[in-house]
Amino acid sequence: MTPPGRRNPRAGSAQRAAARGDRVRRIGYPLLVGGAFLAAWQALVAGLDLPPYLVPSPVLMIRTLVADWHLLGAALLVTVRITLLAFALATVTGVLISFLFVQSRFIETAFFPFAVLLQVTPIVAVAPLVIIWVKDPAAAMVICAALVALFPVISNTTLGLRSVDPDLLSYFRLHRASRAQTLLRLRIPSALPYFFGGLRIASGLALIGAVVAEFVAGTGGTGAGLAYQIMQAGFQLNIPRMFAALLLISLTGMALFAAMAWLSRAALGSWHASEITPE
C-alpha cells in the first residue's frame, strides 16, 4: 500500500506508457494512411501507364523535387518568409482589435460586421488593388496574406475574451479590479485556448493567402515563390515539378499546424483541460 502523500510509481509508469502510446498513435496512424495512399497512387499510375504530363507517380515527384531543389528550395524560402510575416502581422493586429472589441459592446457591435466583410471578400479581387497601392511587391503580398489570416484571430480571441466565468467576473468586480487587471488576470488566461485555436486556422490561411498573392503578383526572379514555380511548370507542361511544388506547400501547411499545436500544448498542457491527457 502506498503511504499517503506519496505517488504510486506503478501509476506513474502506466501514465507514461499511455502517453507514449498516444504519441505513437498520433504519428503512426497518419503515416500508415499516407503510406497506403502513396502506394495506391503509385500502383494506379503504373497499372494504367499514365504519362507523366498527365499524372506523375509519387516516385517521379520525389525525384523531381530532389533534382530541382535549387529552384524549389529557394522558392520555398520566399513563400515561407511571406507566410510568417503575414501570420505575425495578422496575429498582432487581430489580438489588438480583439482587446478593443472586449472593452465595449458598442465597439464590437459597430465594427465586427466589417471584420466579417473582410473575411468574405475574395482575396483575388482585393490583391490587385493592394499590389497597385503598395509599391513594394513583397510588402503587398504580406498584407494580402495577412488579410486572409486576420479574421480567425479576431473571431476566436474575441470569443475567448468574452467567455469568462461569470462568478469570477463578479469576484473581480467585487474587489473593484480595474479593466487592465481584469483583462490581464482573467480574460486573457480564459481566452488562451480560443486564441491558440485561432492560430491553428490562421497559420494555414496565411500560407494560402501568400500563395494566392504570389499568383496575382506574378513576381519572378530571385523573389519568386512556389506559386510562380507552379505557373512556370504549368506553362512548360512540367507536371512533375508542379506536383513537387504542391507537395512543398502541403508539407509547409502541415508543419505550421504542427507548430501551432505544439505551442498550444506547451502553453496549456500543464493546466487546461483541453490539453491535459486523461488518465
Protein backbone atom coordinates (compact mmCIF):
# COMPACT_ATOMS: atom_id res chain seq x y z
CA MET A 1 0.00 0.00 0.00
CA THR A 2 1.36 3.43 -0.96
CA PRO A 3 1.69 5.81 2.02
CA PRO A 4 -0.49 8.94 1.88
CA GLY A 5 1.20 11.87 0.13
CA ARG A 6 3.50 9.63 -1.92
CA ARG A 7 2.95 8.92 -5.59
CA ASN A 8 2.44 5.35 -6.70
CA PRO A 9 5.36 4.50 -9.06
CA ARG A 10 3.26 1.93 -10.89
CA ALA A 11 0.59 4.53 -11.63
CA GLY A 12 3.25 6.93 -12.91
CA SER A 13 4.71 4.26 -15.20
CA ALA A 14 1.27 3.42 -16.53
CA GLN A 15 0.58 7.08 -17.29
CA ARG A 16 3.89 7.48 -19.10
CA ALA A 17 3.24 4.32 -21.12
CA ALA A 18 -0.22 5.58 -22.02
CA ALA A 19 1.24 8.94 -23.10
CA ARG A 20 3.85 7.20 -25.27
CA GLY A 21 1.16 5.02 -26.82
CA ASP A 22 -0.95 8.08 -27.56
CA ARG A 23 2.01 9.80 -29.28
CA VAL A 24 2.70 6.67 -31.33
CA ARG A 25 -0.92 6.56 -32.46
CA ARG A 26 -0.95 10.26 -33.35
CA ILE A 27 2.11 9.82 -35.55
CA GLY A 28 1.75 6.22 -36.71
CA TYR A 29 -1.87 6.26 -37.88
CA PRO A 30 -1.47 9.25 -40.24
CA LEU A 31 1.80 7.82 -41.58
CA LEU A 32 0.07 4.49 -42.21
CA VAL A 33 -2.80 6.11 -44.09
CA GLY A 34 -0.42 8.35 -46.05
CA GLY A 35 1.78 5.40 -47.00
CA ALA A 36 -1.23 3.42 -48.19
CA PHE A 37 -2.41 6.38 -50.28
CA LEU A 38 1.01 6.82 -51.92
CA ALA A 39 1.28 3.10 -52.62
CA ALA A 40 -2.17 3.08 -54.25
CA TRP A 41 -1.25 6.18 -56.27
CA GLN A 42 1.99 4.57 -57.48
CA ALA A 43 0.22 1.33 -58.37
CA LEU A 44 -2.55 3.17 -60.23
CA VAL A 45 -0.11 5.22 -62.31
CA ALA A 46 1.96 2.12 -63.13
CA GLY A 47 -1.04 -0.08 -63.81
CA LEU A 48 -2.80 2.38 -66.12
CA ASP A 49 0.52 3.50 -67.66
CA LEU A 50 -0.40 7.16 -67.20
CA PRO A 51 2.00 9.62 -68.86
CA PRO A 52 3.98 11.99 -66.57
CA TYR A 53 2.45 15.09 -68.18
CA LEU A 54 -0.98 13.89 -67.00
CA VAL A 55 -0.36 12.43 -63.53
CA PRO A 56 3.21 11.82 -62.31
CA SER A 57 3.91 8.99 -59.93
CA PRO A 58 5.00 9.71 -56.34
CA VAL A 59 8.47 8.34 -57.12
CA LEU A 60 8.86 10.71 -60.08
CA MET A 61 7.56 13.59 -57.98
CA ILE A 62 10.20 12.95 -55.29
CA ARG A 63 12.93 12.60 -57.93
CA THR A 64 11.88 15.91 -59.46
CA LEU A 65 11.87 17.54 -56.04
CA VAL A 66 15.46 16.41 -55.46
CA ALA A 67 16.63 17.31 -58.96
CA ASP A 68 15.01 20.79 -58.94
CA TRP A 69 15.70 21.59 -55.30
CA HIS A 70 17.91 24.54 -56.28
CA LEU A 71 14.79 26.20 -57.71
CA LEU A 72 12.10 24.85 -55.43
CA GLY A 73 14.11 25.28 -52.22
CA ALA A 74 14.75 28.98 -52.90
CA ALA A 75 11.08 29.46 -53.82
CA LEU A 76 10.03 27.70 -50.62
CA LEU A 77 12.06 30.14 -48.53
CA VAL A 78 10.36 33.09 -50.24
CA THR A 79 6.88 31.68 -49.65
CA VAL A 80 7.64 30.75 -46.03
CA ARG A 81 9.02 34.23 -45.31
CA ILE A 82 5.89 35.89 -46.69
CA THR A 83 3.70 33.44 -44.76
CA LEU A 84 5.44 34.00 -41.43
CA LEU A 85 5.45 37.78 -41.79
CA ALA A 86 1.76 37.77 -42.72
CA PHE A 87 0.94 35.39 -39.88
CA ALA A 88 2.75 37.61 -37.36
CA LEU A 89 1.03 40.73 -38.70
CA ALA A 90 -2.40 39.06 -38.58
CA THR A 91 -1.79 37.78 -35.04
CA VAL A 92 -0.70 41.13 -33.60
CA THR A 93 -3.42 43.07 -35.41
CA GLY A 94 -6.13 40.56 -34.56
CA VAL A 95 -5.24 40.49 -30.86
CA LEU A 96 -5.20 44.29 -30.62
CA ILE A 97 -8.59 44.52 -32.34
CA SER A 98 -9.99 41.85 -30.00
CA PHE A 99 -8.74 43.78 -26.97
CA LEU A 100 -10.56 46.81 -28.36
CA PHE A 101 -13.77 44.85 -29.00
CA VAL A 102 -13.90 43.42 -25.49
CA GLN A 103 -13.75 46.87 -23.91
CA SER A 104 -17.13 47.93 -25.28
CA ARG A 105 -20.14 46.11 -26.69
CA PHE A 106 -20.83 49.18 -28.81
CA ILE A 107 -17.42 48.98 -30.48
CA GLU A 108 -17.76 45.25 -31.11
CA THR A 109 -21.30 45.58 -32.50
CA ALA A 110 -20.34 48.51 -34.73
CA PHE A 111 -17.09 47.13 -36.19
CA PHE A 112 -17.34 43.32 -36.10
CA PRO A 113 -19.51 43.18 -39.29
CA PHE A 114 -16.65 44.88 -41.14
CA ALA A 115 -14.30 42.12 -39.99
CA VAL A 116 -16.76 39.60 -41.40
CA LEU A 117 -16.93 41.61 -44.62
CA LEU A 118 -13.15 41.46 -44.83
CA GLN A 119 -13.28 37.68 -44.43
CA VAL A 120 -15.88 37.01 -47.11
CA THR A 121 -14.31 39.33 -49.71
CA PRO A 122 -12.26 37.20 -52.16
CA ILE A 123 -8.56 37.95 -51.81
CA VAL A 124 -8.20 37.51 -55.59
CA ALA A 125 -10.34 40.64 -56.02
CA VAL A 126 -8.50 42.66 -53.38
CA ALA A 127 -4.92 41.62 -54.13
CA PRO A 128 -4.54 43.60 -57.40
CA LEU A 129 -5.58 46.79 -55.63
CA VAL A 130 -3.17 46.20 -52.75
CA ILE A 131 -0.35 45.48 -55.19
CA ILE A 132 -1.12 48.75 -57.03
CA TRP A 133 -1.35 50.80 -53.82
CA VAL A 134 1.76 49.31 -52.19
CA LYS A 135 4.82 49.83 -54.34
CA ASP A 136 6.89 47.04 -52.76
CA PRO A 137 5.65 43.68 -54.13
CA ALA A 138 6.86 41.73 -51.08
CA ALA A 139 5.08 44.07 -48.66
CA ALA A 140 1.93 43.91 -50.79
CA MET A 141 1.93 40.12 -50.70
CA VAL A 142 2.43 40.14 -46.92
CA ILE A 143 -0.56 42.47 -46.50
CA CYS A 144 -2.75 40.31 -48.77
CA ALA A 145 -1.85 37.15 -46.88
CA ALA A 146 -2.42 38.88 -43.53
CA LEU A 147 -5.91 39.94 -44.62
CA VAL A 148 -6.77 36.30 -45.28
CA ALA A 149 -5.48 35.15 -41.88
CA LEU A 150 -6.85 38.05 -39.82
CA PHE A 151 -10.46 37.04 -39.20
CA PRO A 152 -9.89 33.73 -37.30
CA VAL A 153 -7.62 35.54 -34.85
CA ILE A 154 -10.18 38.28 -34.27
CA SER A 155 -13.14 35.91 -34.02
CA ASN A 156 -11.57 33.29 -31.74
CA THR A 157 -9.75 35.73 -29.48
CA THR A 158 -12.84 37.92 -29.05
CA LEU A 159 -14.94 34.86 -28.25
CA GLY A 160 -12.35 33.72 -25.70
CA LEU A 161 -12.14 37.12 -24.05
CA ARG A 162 -15.92 37.15 -23.71
CA SER A 163 -16.14 33.54 -22.47
CA VAL A 164 -15.14 34.11 -18.86
CA ASP A 165 -16.69 32.53 -15.80
CA PRO A 166 -19.48 34.91 -14.63
CA ASP A 167 -18.72 34.12 -10.99
CA LEU A 168 -15.05 35.00 -11.43
CA LEU A 169 -16.02 38.18 -13.25
CA SER A 170 -18.32 39.12 -10.39
CA TYR A 171 -15.50 38.38 -7.94
CA PHE A 172 -13.18 40.74 -9.81
CA ARG A 173 -15.85 43.43 -9.83
CA LEU A 174 -16.50 42.90 -6.14
CA HIS A 175 -12.86 43.68 -5.43
CA ARG A 176 -13.03 46.67 -7.78
CA ALA A 177 -10.43 45.35 -10.21
CA SER A 178 -9.57 47.74 -13.00
CA ARG A 179 -10.17 46.97 -16.66
CA ALA A 180 -6.49 46.27 -17.13
CA GLN A 181 -6.38 43.88 -14.16
CA THR A 182 -9.49 42.05 -15.37
CA LEU A 183 -8.04 41.79 -18.86
CA LEU A 184 -4.60 40.54 -17.79
CA ARG A 185 -5.59 38.24 -14.92
CA LEU A 186 -8.96 36.89 -16.02
CA ARG A 187 -9.88 37.44 -19.65
CA ILE A 188 -6.52 36.61 -21.27
CA PRO A 189 -5.99 33.31 -19.39
CA SER A 190 -9.56 32.30 -20.21
CA ALA A 191 -9.10 33.21 -23.87
CA LEU A 192 -5.84 31.29 -24.45
CA PRO A 193 -7.46 28.03 -25.70
CA TYR A 194 -9.59 30.01 -28.15
CA PHE A 195 -6.59 32.10 -29.18
CA PHE A 196 -4.43 29.07 -29.98
CA GLY A 197 -7.34 27.52 -31.86
CA GLY A 198 -7.46 30.66 -33.98
CA LEU A 199 -3.72 30.46 -34.59
CA ARG A 200 -4.05 26.92 -35.96
CA ILE A 201 -6.55 28.15 -38.52
CA ALA A 202 -4.77 31.43 -39.28
CA SER A 203 -1.40 29.77 -39.93
CA GLY A 204 -2.84 27.72 -42.78
CA LEU A 205 -4.80 30.67 -44.14
CA ALA A 206 -1.64 32.81 -44.12
CA LEU A 207 0.03 30.21 -46.34
CA ILE A 208 -2.98 30.13 -48.67
CA GLY A 209 -3.01 33.92 -48.81
CA ALA A 210 0.70 34.03 -49.58
CA VAL A 211 0.32 31.58 -52.48
CA VAL A 212 -2.71 33.43 -53.89
CA ALA A 213 -0.90 36.77 -53.59
CA GLU A 214 2.09 35.30 -55.43
CA PHE A 215 -0.22 34.10 -58.21
CA VAL A 216 -1.72 37.58 -58.58
CA ALA A 217 1.60 39.42 -58.29
CA GLY A 218 3.37 37.06 -60.68
CA THR A 219 6.80 38.12 -59.46
CA GLY A 220 9.76 36.22 -60.88
CA GLY A 221 13.50 36.20 -60.49
CA THR A 222 15.10 35.84 -57.08
CA GLY A 223 11.86 36.87 -55.36
CA ALA A 224 9.80 34.11 -56.93
CA GLY A 225 7.85 31.87 -54.60
CA LEU A 226 6.30 28.47 -55.06
CA ALA A 227 3.26 29.89 -56.82
CA TYR A 228 5.49 31.29 -59.55
CA GLN A 229 7.20 27.93 -59.93
CA ILE A 230 3.80 26.27 -60.28
CA MET A 231 2.80 28.74 -63.01
CA GLN A 232 6.08 28.26 -64.85
CA ALA A 233 5.77 24.48 -64.60
CA GLY A 234 2.24 24.70 -65.99
CA PHE A 235 3.37 26.81 -68.95
CA GLN A 236 6.17 24.32 -69.67
CA LEU A 237 3.95 21.26 -69.07
CA ASN A 238 6.44 20.19 -66.42
CA ILE A 239 3.76 18.49 -64.33
CA PRO A 240 6.19 16.60 -62.03
CA ARG A 241 7.71 19.91 -60.92
CA MET A 242 4.23 21.31 -60.38
CA PHE A 243 3.33 18.37 -58.14
CA ALA A 244 6.66 18.74 -56.29
CA ALA A 245 5.87 22.40 -55.57
CA LEU A 246 2.37 21.45 -54.41
CA LEU A 247 3.93 18.84 -52.13
CA LEU A 248 6.16 21.50 -50.56
CA ILE A 249 3.16 23.76 -49.97
CA SER A 250 1.25 20.90 -48.32
CA LEU A 251 4.18 19.94 -46.10
CA THR A 252 4.64 23.58 -45.11
CA GLY A 253 0.99 23.84 -44.09
CA MET A 254 1.26 20.66 -42.04
CA ALA A 255 4.42 21.95 -40.36
CA LEU A 256 2.72 25.23 -39.46
CA PHE A 257 -0.28 23.41 -37.98
CA ALA A 258 2.01 21.08 -36.01
CA ALA A 259 3.98 24.05 -34.70
CA MET A 260 0.80 25.76 -33.50
CA ALA A 261 -0.39 22.53 -31.88
CA TRP A 262 2.95 22.16 -30.08
CA LEU A 263 2.78 25.79 -28.94
CA SER A 264 -0.72 25.22 -27.61
CA ARG A 265 0.37 22.12 -25.66
CA ALA A 266 3.42 23.97 -24.30
CA ALA A 267 1.28 26.86 -23.07
CA LEU A 268 -1.78 24.95 -21.85
CA GLY A 269 -0.62 21.38 -21.27
CA SER A 270 0.04 21.75 -17.56
CA TRP A 271 -3.22 23.38 -16.51
CA HIS A 272 -6.01 23.48 -19.11
CA ALA A 273 -8.42 20.61 -19.67
CA SER A 274 -8.22 20.92 -23.46
CA GLU A 275 -4.58 19.78 -23.48
CA ILE A 276 -4.39 17.51 -20.43
CA THR A 277 -4.33 13.84 -21.38
CA PRO A 278 -6.92 11.93 -19.34
CA GLU A 279 -5.54 9.25 -17.06
